[in-house]
N, C-alpha and C. Protein backbone atom coordinates (compact mmCIF):
# COMPACT_ATOMS: atom_id res chain seq x y z
N MET A 1 6.04 2.78 -10.71
CA MET A 1 5.92 2.71 -8.89
C MET A 1 4.55 1.93 -9.09
N LYS A 2 4.20 1.16 -7.95
CA LYS A 2 2.65 0.78 -8.06
C LYS A 2 1.88 1.71 -6.96
N PHE A 3 0.50 1.59 -6.95
CA PHE A 3 -0.49 2.68 -6.47
C PHE A 3 -1.04 1.55 -5.29
N PHE A 4 -1.26 1.58 -4.60
CA PHE A 4 -2.30 0.70 -3.34
C PHE A 4 -3.13 1.55 -2.77
N ALA A 5 -4.55 1.36 -2.30
CA ALA A 5 -5.05 2.01 -1.59
C ALA A 5 -5.47 1.35 -0.39
N ASP A 6 -5.00 2.96 0.37
CA ASP A 6 -4.77 2.18 1.95
C ASP A 6 -6.46 2.31 2.70
N THR A 7 -7.14 1.61 2.64
CA THR A 7 -8.42 1.27 3.43
C THR A 7 -9.30 0.26 3.11
N ALA A 8 -10.23 -0.03 4.05
CA ALA A 8 -11.09 -0.31 3.84
C ALA A 8 -12.86 -0.59 3.40
N ASP A 9 -12.49 1.27 2.64
CA ASP A 9 -13.78 1.56 2.20
C ASP A 9 -14.03 0.70 0.87
N THR A 10 -14.78 0.06 0.64
CA THR A 10 -15.07 -0.64 -0.93
C THR A 10 -15.88 0.00 -1.92
N ALA A 11 -16.48 1.28 -1.75
CA ALA A 11 -16.59 2.35 -2.25
C ALA A 11 -15.72 3.03 -3.02
N ASP A 12 -14.64 3.29 -2.09
CA ASP A 12 -13.45 3.75 -2.47
C ASP A 12 -12.86 3.16 -3.39
N ILE A 13 -12.15 1.68 -2.74
CA ILE A 13 -11.72 1.30 -3.61
C ILE A 13 -12.61 1.11 -4.93
N LYS A 14 -13.70 0.75 -5.50
CA LYS A 14 -14.20 0.70 -6.58
C LYS A 14 -13.79 2.06 -7.47
N GLU A 15 -14.23 2.95 -6.95
CA GLU A 15 -13.63 4.02 -8.00
C GLU A 15 -12.21 4.53 -8.67
N LEU A 16 -11.90 3.89 -7.75
CA LEU A 16 -9.84 3.95 -7.84
C LEU A 16 -9.64 2.94 -8.55
N ALA A 17 -10.30 1.38 -8.46
CA ALA A 17 -9.96 0.21 -9.49
C ALA A 17 -10.81 0.59 -11.37
N GLU A 18 -11.52 1.34 -11.27
CA GLU A 18 -12.16 2.39 -12.62
C GLU A 18 -11.06 2.67 -13.16
N THR A 19 -10.28 3.84 -12.36
CA THR A 19 -9.33 4.44 -12.99
C THR A 19 -8.34 3.66 -13.93
N GLY A 20 -8.25 2.82 -13.26
CA GLY A 20 -6.93 1.99 -13.96
C GLY A 20 -5.73 1.99 -13.14
N LEU A 21 -5.87 2.92 -12.22
CA LEU A 21 -4.79 3.53 -11.49
C LEU A 21 -4.40 2.81 -10.22
N LEU A 22 -5.26 1.44 -10.05
CA LEU A 22 -4.71 1.27 -8.74
C LEU A 22 -3.83 -0.38 -8.73
N ASP A 23 -3.57 -0.53 -8.55
CA ASP A 23 -2.82 -1.85 -8.30
C ASP A 23 -2.27 -3.01 -7.42
N GLY A 24 -3.53 -2.57 -6.30
CA GLY A 24 -3.24 -3.25 -4.65
C GLY A 24 -4.24 -2.26 -3.80
N VAL A 25 -4.40 -3.17 -2.59
CA VAL A 25 -4.93 -2.51 -1.51
C VAL A 25 -3.99 -3.24 -0.25
N THR A 26 -3.78 -2.03 0.93
CA THR A 26 -3.76 -2.75 2.03
C THR A 26 -4.90 -2.11 2.96
N THR A 27 -5.03 -3.46 3.64
CA THR A 27 -6.12 -3.10 4.55
C THR A 27 -4.92 -3.31 6.39
N ASN A 28 -5.63 -2.87 7.72
CA ASN A 28 -5.14 -3.33 8.51
C ASN A 28 -6.05 -3.50 9.77
N PRO A 29 -5.74 -3.72 11.41
CA PRO A 29 -6.90 -4.11 11.89
C PRO A 29 -8.37 -2.63 12.29
N SER A 30 -6.97 -1.20 12.26
CA SER A 30 -7.82 -0.24 12.32
C SER A 30 -8.77 -0.04 11.09
N LEU A 31 -8.62 -0.01 9.99
CA LEU A 31 -9.24 0.25 9.19
C LEU A 31 -10.32 -0.35 8.58
N ILE A 32 -10.24 -1.85 8.76
CA ILE A 32 -11.44 -2.78 9.09
C ILE A 32 -12.27 -2.11 9.98
N ALA A 33 -11.63 -1.87 11.18
CA ALA A 33 -13.15 -1.58 12.56
C ALA A 33 -13.83 0.00 12.09
N LYS A 34 -12.61 0.39 11.65
CA LYS A 34 -13.26 2.05 10.67
C LYS A 34 -14.68 1.85 9.93
N SER A 35 -14.54 0.68 9.33
CA SER A 35 -15.50 0.62 7.98
C SER A 35 -16.76 -0.44 8.79
N GLY A 36 -16.38 -0.68 9.88
CA GLY A 36 -17.95 -1.50 10.39
C GLY A 36 -18.28 -2.35 9.95
N ARG A 37 -17.56 -3.36 8.91
CA ARG A 37 -17.74 -4.40 8.38
C ARG A 37 -17.46 -5.59 8.77
N ASP A 38 -17.67 -6.67 8.92
CA ASP A 38 -17.26 -7.81 9.05
C ASP A 38 -15.88 -8.08 8.60
N PHE A 39 -15.15 -8.75 9.03
CA PHE A 39 -13.14 -8.67 8.60
C PHE A 39 -13.59 -9.66 7.48
N MET A 40 -14.02 -10.70 7.51
CA MET A 40 -13.95 -11.45 6.20
C MET A 40 -14.55 -10.93 5.23
N GLU A 41 -15.39 -10.65 5.64
CA GLU A 41 -16.63 -10.60 4.33
C GLU A 41 -15.96 -8.82 3.24
N VAL A 42 -15.80 -7.94 4.41
CA VAL A 42 -15.41 -6.77 3.84
C VAL A 42 -13.70 -7.29 2.90
N THR A 43 -13.23 -8.46 3.29
CA THR A 43 -11.64 -8.56 2.75
C THR A 43 -11.74 -9.38 1.79
N LYS A 44 -12.88 -10.11 1.72
CA LYS A 44 -13.40 -11.09 0.22
C LYS A 44 -14.14 -9.99 -0.62
N GLU A 45 -14.71 -9.13 -0.47
CA GLU A 45 -15.07 -7.89 -1.14
C GLU A 45 -14.36 -7.29 -1.74
N ILE A 46 -13.56 -6.57 -0.97
CA ILE A 46 -11.87 -6.24 -1.70
C ILE A 46 -11.19 -6.68 -2.71
N CYS A 47 -10.76 -8.21 -2.20
CA CYS A 47 -10.47 -9.28 -3.68
C CYS A 47 -11.05 -9.20 -4.81
N GLY A 48 -12.21 -9.16 -4.50
CA GLY A 48 -13.16 -9.09 -6.22
C GLY A 48 -12.84 -7.71 -6.79
N LEU A 49 -12.68 -7.32 -6.09
CA LEU A 49 -12.32 -5.27 -6.85
C LEU A 49 -11.08 -5.27 -7.36
N THR A 50 -10.16 -5.91 -6.76
CA THR A 50 -9.28 -5.49 -7.66
C THR A 50 -7.89 -6.60 -7.67
N GLY A 51 -7.29 -7.09 -9.28
CA GLY A 51 -6.40 -7.86 -9.05
C GLY A 51 -5.47 -8.55 -8.39
N GLY A 52 -4.55 -7.49 -8.15
CA GLY A 52 -3.94 -6.99 -7.27
C GLY A 52 -3.55 -7.48 -6.00
N PRO A 53 -2.77 -7.37 -5.23
CA PRO A 53 -2.54 -8.16 -4.05
C PRO A 53 -3.40 -7.40 -2.81
N VAL A 54 -3.76 -7.85 -1.79
CA VAL A 54 -4.82 -7.49 -0.92
C VAL A 54 -4.00 -7.82 0.23
N SER A 55 -3.97 -7.05 1.29
CA SER A 55 -3.25 -7.26 2.34
C SER A 55 -3.80 -7.54 3.56
N ALA A 56 -4.21 -8.86 4.08
CA ALA A 56 -4.97 -9.35 5.42
C ALA A 56 -3.82 -9.22 6.21
N GLU A 57 -4.30 -8.61 7.24
CA GLU A 57 -2.99 -9.12 8.54
C GLU A 57 -4.02 -9.62 9.81
N VAL A 58 -2.45 -10.68 10.29
CA VAL A 58 -3.13 -11.36 11.07
C VAL A 58 -2.96 -10.40 12.64
N VAL A 59 -4.07 -11.14 13.37
CA VAL A 59 -3.85 -10.28 14.72
C VAL A 59 -2.94 -10.85 15.82
N ALA A 60 -3.01 -12.40 15.64
CA ALA A 60 -2.08 -12.78 16.59
C ALA A 60 -0.68 -12.46 16.99
N LEU A 61 0.09 -12.84 18.20
CA LEU A 61 1.52 -12.24 18.29
C LEU A 61 2.45 -13.32 18.27
N ASP A 62 2.05 -14.25 18.21
CA ASP A 62 2.67 -15.59 18.60
C ASP A 62 2.73 -16.55 17.18
N HIS A 63 3.81 -16.82 16.76
CA HIS A 63 4.18 -17.71 15.33
C HIS A 63 2.76 -18.93 15.44
N GLU A 64 2.89 -19.74 16.45
CA GLU A 64 2.06 -20.75 15.76
C GLU A 64 0.69 -20.48 15.65
N THR A 65 0.12 -19.51 16.29
CA THR A 65 -1.70 -18.89 15.64
C THR A 65 -1.23 -17.57 15.15
N MET A 66 -0.25 -17.10 14.77
CA MET A 66 -0.07 -16.23 12.93
C MET A 66 -0.57 -17.38 11.95
N MET A 67 0.25 -18.53 11.85
CA MET A 67 0.22 -19.40 11.17
C MET A 67 -0.99 -19.89 10.84
N LYS A 68 -1.67 -19.90 11.72
CA LYS A 68 -3.37 -20.63 12.08
C LYS A 68 -4.31 -19.69 11.36
N GLU A 69 -4.03 -18.68 11.56
CA GLU A 69 -5.03 -17.31 10.61
C GLU A 69 -4.65 -17.12 9.77
N ALA A 70 -3.41 -17.38 9.54
CA ALA A 70 -2.64 -17.10 7.53
C ALA A 70 -3.23 -18.35 6.74
N GLU A 71 -3.92 -19.37 7.19
CA GLU A 71 -4.31 -20.39 6.57
C GLU A 71 -5.73 -20.03 6.22
N VAL A 72 -6.30 -19.56 7.59
CA VAL A 72 -7.88 -19.10 6.95
C VAL A 72 -7.83 -17.96 6.09
N LEU A 73 -6.69 -16.87 6.40
CA LEU A 73 -7.38 -15.91 5.27
C LEU A 73 -6.94 -15.92 4.15
N ARG A 74 -5.88 -16.78 3.95
CA ARG A 74 -5.51 -17.12 2.77
C ARG A 74 -6.36 -17.96 1.49
N LYS A 75 -7.42 -18.45 1.93
CA LYS A 75 -8.51 -19.10 1.55
C LYS A 75 -9.69 -18.32 1.04
N ILE A 76 -9.56 -17.12 1.28
CA ILE A 76 -10.36 -16.07 1.02
C ILE A 76 -10.27 -15.57 -0.61
N ALA A 77 -8.91 -15.61 -1.07
CA ALA A 77 -8.58 -15.56 -2.73
C ALA A 77 -7.22 -16.02 -2.65
N ASP A 78 -7.06 -15.54 -4.02
CA ASP A 78 -5.72 -16.09 -4.52
C ASP A 78 -5.07 -14.69 -4.50
N ASN A 79 -5.68 -13.60 -4.49
CA ASN A 79 -4.64 -12.32 -4.49
C ASN A 79 -4.38 -11.86 -2.97
N VAL A 80 -4.80 -12.92 -1.91
CA VAL A 80 -4.64 -12.58 -0.74
C VAL A 80 -3.28 -12.46 0.07
N CYS A 81 -2.70 -11.26 0.40
CA CYS A 81 -1.62 -11.38 0.92
C CYS A 81 -1.36 -11.13 2.30
N ILE A 82 -0.49 -11.95 3.50
CA ILE A 82 -1.26 -12.08 4.54
C ILE A 82 0.30 -10.56 5.06
N LYS A 83 -0.28 -10.30 5.71
CA LYS A 83 0.53 -9.13 6.65
C LYS A 83 0.59 -9.89 8.26
N VAL A 84 1.72 -9.56 8.19
CA VAL A 84 2.44 -9.95 9.67
C VAL A 84 3.41 -8.96 10.26
N PRO A 85 3.30 -8.46 11.60
CA PRO A 85 4.08 -7.44 12.10
C PRO A 85 5.83 -7.85 12.06
N LEU A 86 6.13 -6.82 12.23
CA LEU A 86 7.86 -6.57 12.53
C LEU A 86 8.72 -7.51 13.63
N THR A 87 8.30 -8.55 14.18
CA THR A 87 8.81 -9.31 15.22
C THR A 87 9.82 -10.72 14.86
N ILE A 88 9.92 -10.97 15.81
CA ILE A 88 10.84 -12.21 15.21
C ILE A 88 9.49 -13.40 15.12
N ASP A 89 8.62 -13.44 15.34
CA ASP A 89 7.65 -14.59 15.67
C ASP A 89 6.87 -14.30 13.73
N GLY A 90 7.08 -12.71 13.75
CA GLY A 90 6.33 -12.23 12.64
C GLY A 90 7.21 -12.96 11.40
N LEU A 91 8.66 -12.44 11.62
CA LEU A 91 9.97 -12.85 10.89
C LEU A 91 9.35 -14.38 10.61
N LYS A 92 9.25 -15.22 11.71
CA LYS A 92 9.31 -16.77 11.05
C LYS A 92 7.98 -17.11 10.57
N THR A 93 7.11 -16.35 10.98
CA THR A 93 5.85 -16.72 10.19
C THR A 93 5.92 -16.44 8.92
N CYS A 94 6.19 -14.98 8.39
CA CYS A 94 7.10 -14.54 7.14
C CYS A 94 7.85 -15.91 5.98
N LYS A 95 9.05 -16.20 6.90
CA LYS A 95 9.63 -17.28 5.69
C LYS A 95 9.24 -18.58 6.03
N ALA A 96 7.95 -19.23 7.08
CA ALA A 96 7.24 -20.35 6.55
C ALA A 96 6.27 -19.96 5.31
N LEU A 97 5.66 -18.91 5.53
CA LEU A 97 4.38 -18.33 4.71
C LEU A 97 5.05 -18.79 2.84
N THR A 98 6.11 -17.23 2.77
CA THR A 98 6.78 -16.97 1.86
C THR A 98 7.20 -18.41 1.36
N SER A 99 8.16 -19.70 1.82
CA SER A 99 8.38 -20.69 1.42
C SER A 99 7.25 -21.63 0.62
N GLU A 100 6.48 -21.52 0.86
CA GLU A 100 4.82 -22.18 0.56
C GLU A 100 4.49 -21.40 -0.50
N GLY A 101 5.05 -20.54 -0.89
CA GLY A 101 4.34 -19.66 -1.71
C GLY A 101 3.37 -18.54 -1.66
N THR A 102 3.32 -18.15 -0.51
CA THR A 102 1.77 -17.25 -0.08
C THR A 102 3.02 -16.00 0.24
N MET A 103 2.37 -14.66 -0.83
CA MET A 103 2.62 -13.79 -0.56
C MET A 103 2.66 -13.33 1.05
N VAL A 104 3.86 -12.25 1.46
CA VAL A 104 3.75 -12.13 2.50
C VAL A 104 4.12 -10.30 2.59
N ASN A 105 3.31 -9.14 3.44
CA ASN A 105 3.89 -8.39 3.67
C ASN A 105 4.41 -8.09 5.03
N VAL A 106 5.27 -7.60 5.42
CA VAL A 106 6.20 -7.52 6.58
C VAL A 106 5.38 -6.23 6.84
N THR A 107 5.11 -5.84 7.88
CA THR A 107 4.35 -4.40 8.75
C THR A 107 5.09 -3.45 10.11
N LEU A 108 5.02 -2.18 9.88
CA LEU A 108 5.39 -1.47 11.07
C LEU A 108 7.51 -1.76 11.08
N CYS A 109 7.39 -1.52 9.66
CA CYS A 109 8.68 -0.73 10.14
C CYS A 109 9.31 0.22 10.08
N PHE A 110 10.11 0.19 11.05
CA PHE A 110 10.76 1.57 11.21
C PHE A 110 12.15 1.67 11.27
N SER A 111 12.95 0.74 10.63
CA SER A 111 14.53 1.19 10.74
C SER A 111 14.64 -0.15 9.48
N ALA A 112 16.07 0.73 9.40
CA ALA A 112 16.51 -0.31 7.80
C ALA A 112 16.80 -1.66 8.64
N ASN A 113 17.42 -2.09 9.37
CA ASN A 113 17.68 -3.13 10.31
C ASN A 113 16.61 -3.99 9.99
N GLN A 114 15.83 -3.49 10.34
CA GLN A 114 14.56 -3.95 10.47
C GLN A 114 14.04 -4.75 8.83
N ALA A 115 14.28 -3.77 8.27
CA ALA A 115 14.02 -4.19 6.65
C ALA A 115 14.90 -5.10 5.82
N LEU A 116 15.95 -5.38 6.29
CA LEU A 116 17.27 -6.03 5.97
C LEU A 116 16.40 -7.26 6.90
N LEU A 117 16.06 -7.36 8.10
CA LEU A 117 15.69 -9.11 8.44
C LEU A 117 14.39 -9.12 7.90
N ALA A 118 13.63 -8.17 6.89
CA ALA A 118 12.70 -9.04 6.40
C ALA A 118 13.11 -9.49 5.09
N ALA A 119 13.64 -8.52 4.30
CA ALA A 119 14.11 -9.14 3.12
C ALA A 119 14.57 -10.71 2.77
N LYS A 120 15.49 -10.64 4.50
CA LYS A 120 15.70 -11.94 4.48
C LYS A 120 15.34 -13.30 5.21
N ALA A 121 14.15 -12.72 5.55
CA ALA A 121 13.14 -14.03 5.88
C ALA A 121 11.50 -14.47 4.47
N GLY A 122 12.53 -13.47 3.47
CA GLY A 122 11.37 -13.76 2.02
C GLY A 122 10.35 -12.95 1.53
N ALA A 123 10.67 -11.77 2.74
CA ALA A 123 9.01 -10.93 2.35
C ALA A 123 8.90 -10.60 0.91
N THR A 124 7.85 -10.84 0.81
CA THR A 124 7.24 -10.05 -0.89
C THR A 124 7.70 -8.19 -0.61
N PHE A 125 6.95 -8.22 -0.01
CA PHE A 125 6.78 -6.46 0.63
C PHE A 125 6.99 -6.26 2.10
N VAL A 126 7.64 -4.98 1.98
CA VAL A 126 7.82 -4.29 3.45
C VAL A 126 7.67 -3.10 3.51
N SER A 127 6.88 -3.08 4.96
CA SER A 127 6.39 -2.15 4.86
C SER A 127 6.81 -0.42 6.07
N PRO A 128 7.77 0.06 5.31
CA PRO A 128 8.36 1.36 6.34
C PRO A 128 6.91 2.23 6.38
N PHE A 129 7.01 3.21 7.56
CA PHE A 129 6.13 3.67 8.02
C PHE A 129 6.53 5.13 8.08
N VAL A 130 6.58 6.29 6.73
CA VAL A 130 7.06 7.44 6.90
C VAL A 130 6.34 8.41 7.68
N GLY A 131 5.14 8.55 7.60
CA GLY A 131 4.27 9.57 8.15
C GLY A 131 4.41 9.76 9.50
N ARG A 132 5.08 8.14 10.24
CA ARG A 132 5.51 8.03 11.92
C ARG A 132 6.63 8.59 12.10
N HIS A 133 7.33 8.58 11.14
CA HIS A 133 8.76 8.82 11.43
C HIS A 133 8.72 10.65 11.42
N ASP A 134 8.03 10.82 10.63
CA ASP A 134 7.76 12.13 10.09
C ASP A 134 7.02 13.30 11.84
N ASP A 135 6.37 12.49 12.11
CA ASP A 135 5.26 13.18 13.20
C ASP A 135 6.07 12.83 14.79
N ASN A 136 7.15 12.13 14.88
CA ASN A 136 8.83 11.77 15.54
C ASN A 136 9.45 12.83 15.47
N GLY A 137 9.63 13.73 14.31
CA GLY A 137 10.71 14.75 14.36
C GLY A 137 11.75 13.83 13.36
N THR A 138 11.79 13.00 12.99
CA THR A 138 12.60 12.64 11.78
C THR A 138 12.38 12.44 10.47
N ASP A 139 12.75 12.48 9.51
CA ASP A 139 13.13 12.39 7.74
C ASP A 139 12.21 10.49 7.69
N GLY A 140 11.07 10.68 7.65
CA GLY A 140 10.72 9.17 7.09
C GLY A 140 11.52 8.96 5.42
N MET A 141 11.29 9.40 5.03
CA MET A 141 12.02 9.44 3.60
C MET A 141 13.81 8.70 3.60
N ASP A 142 14.01 9.66 4.41
CA ASP A 142 15.85 8.71 4.65
C ASP A 142 15.78 7.30 5.01
N LEU A 143 14.21 6.96 5.87
CA LEU A 143 14.30 5.63 5.78
C LEU A 143 14.12 4.70 4.36
N ILE A 144 13.55 5.51 3.39
CA ILE A 144 13.55 4.58 2.40
C ILE A 144 14.08 4.69 1.35
N ARG A 145 15.17 6.00 1.36
CA ARG A 145 16.79 6.09 1.00
C ARG A 145 17.99 4.43 1.15
N ASP A 146 17.63 4.56 3.02
CA ASP A 146 18.40 3.40 3.17
C ASP A 146 18.02 2.05 2.70
N ILE A 147 16.78 1.78 2.87
CA ILE A 147 16.52 0.28 2.56
C ILE A 147 16.53 0.17 1.10
N ARG A 148 16.15 0.95 0.04
CA ARG A 148 16.67 1.37 -1.24
C ARG A 148 18.18 0.70 -1.71
N LEU A 149 18.75 1.37 -1.16
CA LEU A 149 20.45 0.85 -0.76
C LEU A 149 20.64 -0.10 -0.73
N ILE A 150 20.08 -0.68 0.56
CA ILE A 150 20.81 -2.08 0.84
C ILE A 150 20.37 -2.97 0.21
N TYR A 151 18.82 -2.96 -0.01
CA TYR A 151 18.12 -3.92 -1.14
C TYR A 151 19.11 -4.17 -2.51
N ASP A 152 19.60 -2.88 -2.99
CA ASP A 152 20.53 -2.85 -4.42
C ASP A 152 21.33 -3.78 -4.18
N ASN A 153 22.62 -3.41 -2.81
CA ASN A 153 22.92 -3.92 -2.38
C ASN A 153 23.40 -5.08 -2.83
N TYR A 154 22.15 -5.95 -2.21
CA TYR A 154 22.39 -7.51 -2.08
C TYR A 154 21.15 -8.21 -3.09
N LEU A 155 20.82 -7.31 -3.85
CA LEU A 155 19.59 -7.83 -4.68
C LEU A 155 18.40 -8.47 -4.41
N PHE A 156 17.88 -7.72 -3.21
CA PHE A 156 16.56 -8.54 -2.49
C PHE A 156 15.55 -8.43 -3.45
N ASP A 157 14.63 -9.47 -3.45
CA ASP A 157 13.70 -9.27 -4.57
C ASP A 157 12.52 -8.72 -3.52
N THR A 158 12.55 -8.45 -2.11
CA THR A 158 11.55 -7.95 -1.33
C THR A 158 11.51 -6.42 -1.76
N GLU A 159 9.62 -5.67 -1.91
CA GLU A 159 9.74 -4.95 -2.76
C GLU A 159 9.25 -4.24 -1.20
N ILE A 160 9.63 -2.64 -1.61
CA ILE A 160 9.82 -1.50 -0.51
C ILE A 160 8.29 -0.88 -0.63
N LEU A 161 7.14 -1.07 -0.05
CA LEU A 161 6.19 -0.89 0.33
C LEU A 161 5.70 0.30 1.03
N VAL A 162 6.29 1.78 0.70
CA VAL A 162 6.41 3.02 1.64
C VAL A 162 4.44 3.16 2.11
N ALA A 163 4.59 3.36 3.33
CA ALA A 163 3.00 3.31 4.17
C ALA A 163 3.14 4.21 5.09
N SER A 164 1.84 4.33 5.47
CA SER A 164 2.30 6.08 6.59
C SER A 164 1.56 7.09 5.60
N VAL A 165 1.37 7.40 4.18
CA VAL A 165 1.60 8.44 3.33
C VAL A 165 0.60 9.44 3.81
N ARG A 166 1.42 10.42 3.81
CA ARG A 166 0.46 11.73 4.68
C ARG A 166 -0.37 12.56 3.41
N HIS A 167 0.61 12.78 2.16
CA HIS A 167 0.70 14.06 1.14
C HIS A 167 1.33 13.06 -0.14
N ALA A 168 1.37 14.45 -1.54
CA ALA A 168 1.58 14.16 -2.22
C ALA A 168 3.33 14.15 -2.26
N THR A 169 3.77 14.70 -1.70
CA THR A 169 5.59 14.50 -1.45
C THR A 169 5.58 13.81 -1.44
N HIS A 170 5.23 12.51 -0.27
CA HIS A 170 5.67 11.44 0.27
C HIS A 170 5.93 10.97 -0.99
N VAL A 171 4.91 11.07 -1.91
CA VAL A 171 4.67 9.63 -3.08
C VAL A 171 5.99 10.13 -3.72
N LEU A 172 5.85 11.61 -4.57
CA LEU A 172 6.80 12.34 -5.11
C LEU A 172 8.81 11.69 -4.89
N GLU A 173 8.59 11.84 -3.28
CA GLU A 173 9.89 11.56 -2.87
C GLU A 173 9.96 10.04 -2.92
N SER A 174 8.87 8.91 -2.79
CA SER A 174 9.25 7.66 -2.61
C SER A 174 9.58 7.21 -4.50
N ALA A 175 8.83 7.79 -5.07
CA ALA A 175 9.15 7.65 -6.73
C ALA A 175 10.95 8.10 -7.14
N ARG A 176 11.21 9.29 -6.97
CA ARG A 176 12.28 9.64 -7.05
C ARG A 176 13.52 8.49 -6.56
N ILE A 177 13.28 8.17 -5.33
CA ILE A 177 14.36 7.33 -4.70
C ILE A 177 13.88 5.77 -5.46
N GLY A 178 12.99 5.50 -5.81
CA GLY A 178 13.01 4.39 -6.45
C GLY A 178 12.21 2.93 -5.62
N ALA A 179 10.90 3.10 -4.90
CA ALA A 179 10.39 2.44 -4.43
C ALA A 179 9.22 2.30 -5.20
N ASP A 180 8.98 0.87 -4.70
CA ASP A 180 8.46 -0.28 -5.56
C ASP A 180 6.61 0.24 -5.50
N VAL A 181 6.34 0.51 -4.39
CA VAL A 181 5.15 0.94 -4.26
C VAL A 181 4.62 1.87 -2.96
N ALA A 182 3.60 2.87 -3.12
CA ALA A 182 2.85 3.43 -2.24
C ALA A 182 2.09 3.06 -2.06
N THR A 183 1.50 3.08 -0.95
CA THR A 183 0.30 2.64 -0.33
C THR A 183 -0.55 4.00 0.58
N MET A 184 -1.59 4.44 0.01
CA MET A 184 -1.64 5.66 0.98
C MET A 184 -3.78 5.51 0.58
N PRO A 185 -4.11 6.95 1.72
CA PRO A 185 -5.49 7.04 1.54
C PRO A 185 -5.96 7.39 0.14
N PRO A 186 -7.42 6.90 -0.10
CA PRO A 186 -7.59 7.65 -1.82
C PRO A 186 -7.58 8.37 -1.58
N LYS A 187 -7.76 9.69 -0.63
CA LYS A 187 -7.96 11.09 -1.46
C LYS A 187 -6.61 11.51 -1.63
N VAL A 188 -5.13 10.72 -0.75
CA VAL A 188 -4.02 11.25 -1.37
C VAL A 188 -3.84 10.73 -2.90
N ILE A 189 -4.03 9.70 -3.24
CA ILE A 189 -4.35 9.63 -4.22
C ILE A 189 -4.76 10.40 -5.48
N LYS A 190 -6.29 10.39 -5.40
CA LYS A 190 -6.64 11.57 -6.06
C LYS A 190 -6.04 13.09 -5.86
N ALA A 191 -5.65 13.43 -5.08
CA ALA A 191 -5.00 14.82 -4.64
C ALA A 191 -3.81 14.61 -5.61
N LEU A 192 -2.87 13.59 -6.09
CA LEU A 192 -1.49 13.57 -7.19
C LEU A 192 -2.16 14.57 -8.22
N ALA A 193 -3.64 14.65 -9.25
CA ALA A 193 -3.85 15.50 -10.08
C ALA A 193 -3.75 16.48 -10.05
N ASN A 194 -4.00 17.05 -8.76
CA ASN A 194 -4.84 18.15 -8.39
C ASN A 194 -2.98 19.28 -8.99
N HIS A 195 -3.47 20.14 -9.97
CA HIS A 195 -2.01 21.57 -10.05
C HIS A 195 -3.20 22.54 -9.94
N VAL A 196 -2.82 23.96 -9.30
CA VAL A 196 -3.83 25.11 -9.63
C VAL A 196 -3.52 25.96 -11.46
N LEU A 197 -2.46 25.06 -11.97
CA LEU A 197 -2.43 25.64 -13.49
C LEU A 197 -3.35 24.88 -14.12
N THR A 198 -3.55 23.75 -14.02
CA THR A 198 -4.65 22.58 -14.58
C THR A 198 -5.78 23.02 -14.48
N ASP A 199 -6.24 23.48 -13.12
CA ASP A 199 -7.72 24.30 -13.20
C ASP A 199 -7.31 25.32 -13.88
N LYS A 200 -6.47 26.27 -13.90
CA LYS A 200 -6.66 27.69 -14.66
C LYS A 200 -6.33 27.35 -16.12
N GLY A 201 -5.82 26.03 -16.74
CA GLY A 201 -5.88 25.86 -17.92
C GLY A 201 -7.51 25.30 -18.59
N ILE A 202 -7.54 25.01 -17.65
CA ILE A 202 -9.24 23.79 -18.03
C ILE A 202 -10.64 25.48 -18.15
N GLU A 203 -10.52 26.43 -17.07
CA GLU A 203 -11.08 27.18 -16.87
C GLU A 203 -10.96 28.25 -18.27
N GLY A 204 -9.77 28.40 -18.15
CA GLY A 204 -9.97 29.04 -19.68
C GLY A 204 -10.28 28.84 -21.21
N PHE A 205 -9.90 27.25 -20.96
CA PHE A 205 -10.15 26.50 -22.33
C PHE A 205 -11.79 26.48 -22.93
N MET A 206 -12.71 26.15 -21.52
CA MET A 206 -13.43 26.33 -21.62
C MET A 206 -14.64 27.56 -21.58
N ALA A 207 -13.97 28.90 -21.12
CA ALA A 207 -14.26 29.78 -21.59
C ALA A 207 -14.42 30.83 -23.06
N ASP A 208 -13.15 29.83 -23.72
CA ASP A 208 -13.32 30.50 -24.95
C ASP A 208 -13.77 29.45 -25.87
N TRP A 209 -14.33 28.37 -25.43
CA TRP A 209 -14.73 27.15 -26.17
C TRP A 209 -16.07 27.80 -26.47
N ALA A 210 -17.12 28.54 -25.14
CA ALA A 210 -18.25 28.80 -24.95
C ALA A 210 -18.26 29.99 -25.81
N LYS A 211 -17.35 30.84 -25.93
CA LYS A 211 -17.30 31.60 -27.15
C LYS A 211 -17.67 31.71 -28.67
N THR A 212 -17.58 30.19 -28.89
CA THR A 212 -17.76 29.82 -30.03
C THR A 212 -18.83 29.30 -30.62
N GLY A 213 -19.55 29.23 -29.30
CA GLY A 213 -21.52 29.03 -29.31
C GLY A 213 -21.34 27.40 -30.19
N GLN A 214 -20.14 26.63 -29.92
CA GLN A 214 -20.32 25.14 -30.55
C GLN A 214 -20.69 24.04 -29.75
N THR A 215 -21.05 22.99 -30.23
CA THR A 215 -20.99 21.72 -29.65
C THR A 215 -20.44 20.79 -30.19
N ILE A 216 -19.79 19.47 -29.11
CA ILE A 216 -19.30 18.48 -29.83
C ILE A 216 -20.28 17.20 -30.11
N LEU A 217 -20.74 17.55 -29.31
CA LEU A 217 -22.28 16.54 -29.62
C LEU A 217 -23.50 16.80 -30.38
N LYS A 218 -23.80 16.41 -30.84
CA LYS A 218 -24.93 16.97 -32.12
C LYS A 218 -26.41 16.18 -31.18
């Protein structure tokens, strides 16, 4: 499963890229606003930090203006993936862009029917939001299971990009189901490495090593 960082913080992206664990980045207007930086500038910098897809979202709601914005965004770098909302105009834009060879991430997916439409529109990625489903009292992972089943039924190429990931269990369940990508805040990616027994093991090894009085570096 691919790991995308859901952030516009270039320092975090650079740190994760150096681990070799980062496969791409997703951004949105809210994350860009939080960074306090120029939209085009920060997107270009992010594209230079990873060779994987970088989702840059249009802000228009009508097809014609979405296409104009997409034309500007895809000139930023070859790895820009245009992000569009899961609306009729967004799907129309998706079909037009993917027909031209441009990567498209259809976002704000909250139902399997919506995901089916995204796949039929040729989406590169569809982004179902699991955390927001959980916030509303339903199991977001059920949505991922339904989408995986439908996509496998019809051999769709669209990748399931699990979004609104809140914790490590979301990642584990996504991997079990067979999601293609999970995009998550950097802190969640780092948390995947945490385990109390790992910490205790390191503590014990270090204590035993100290007793030997030895050093590896001379």
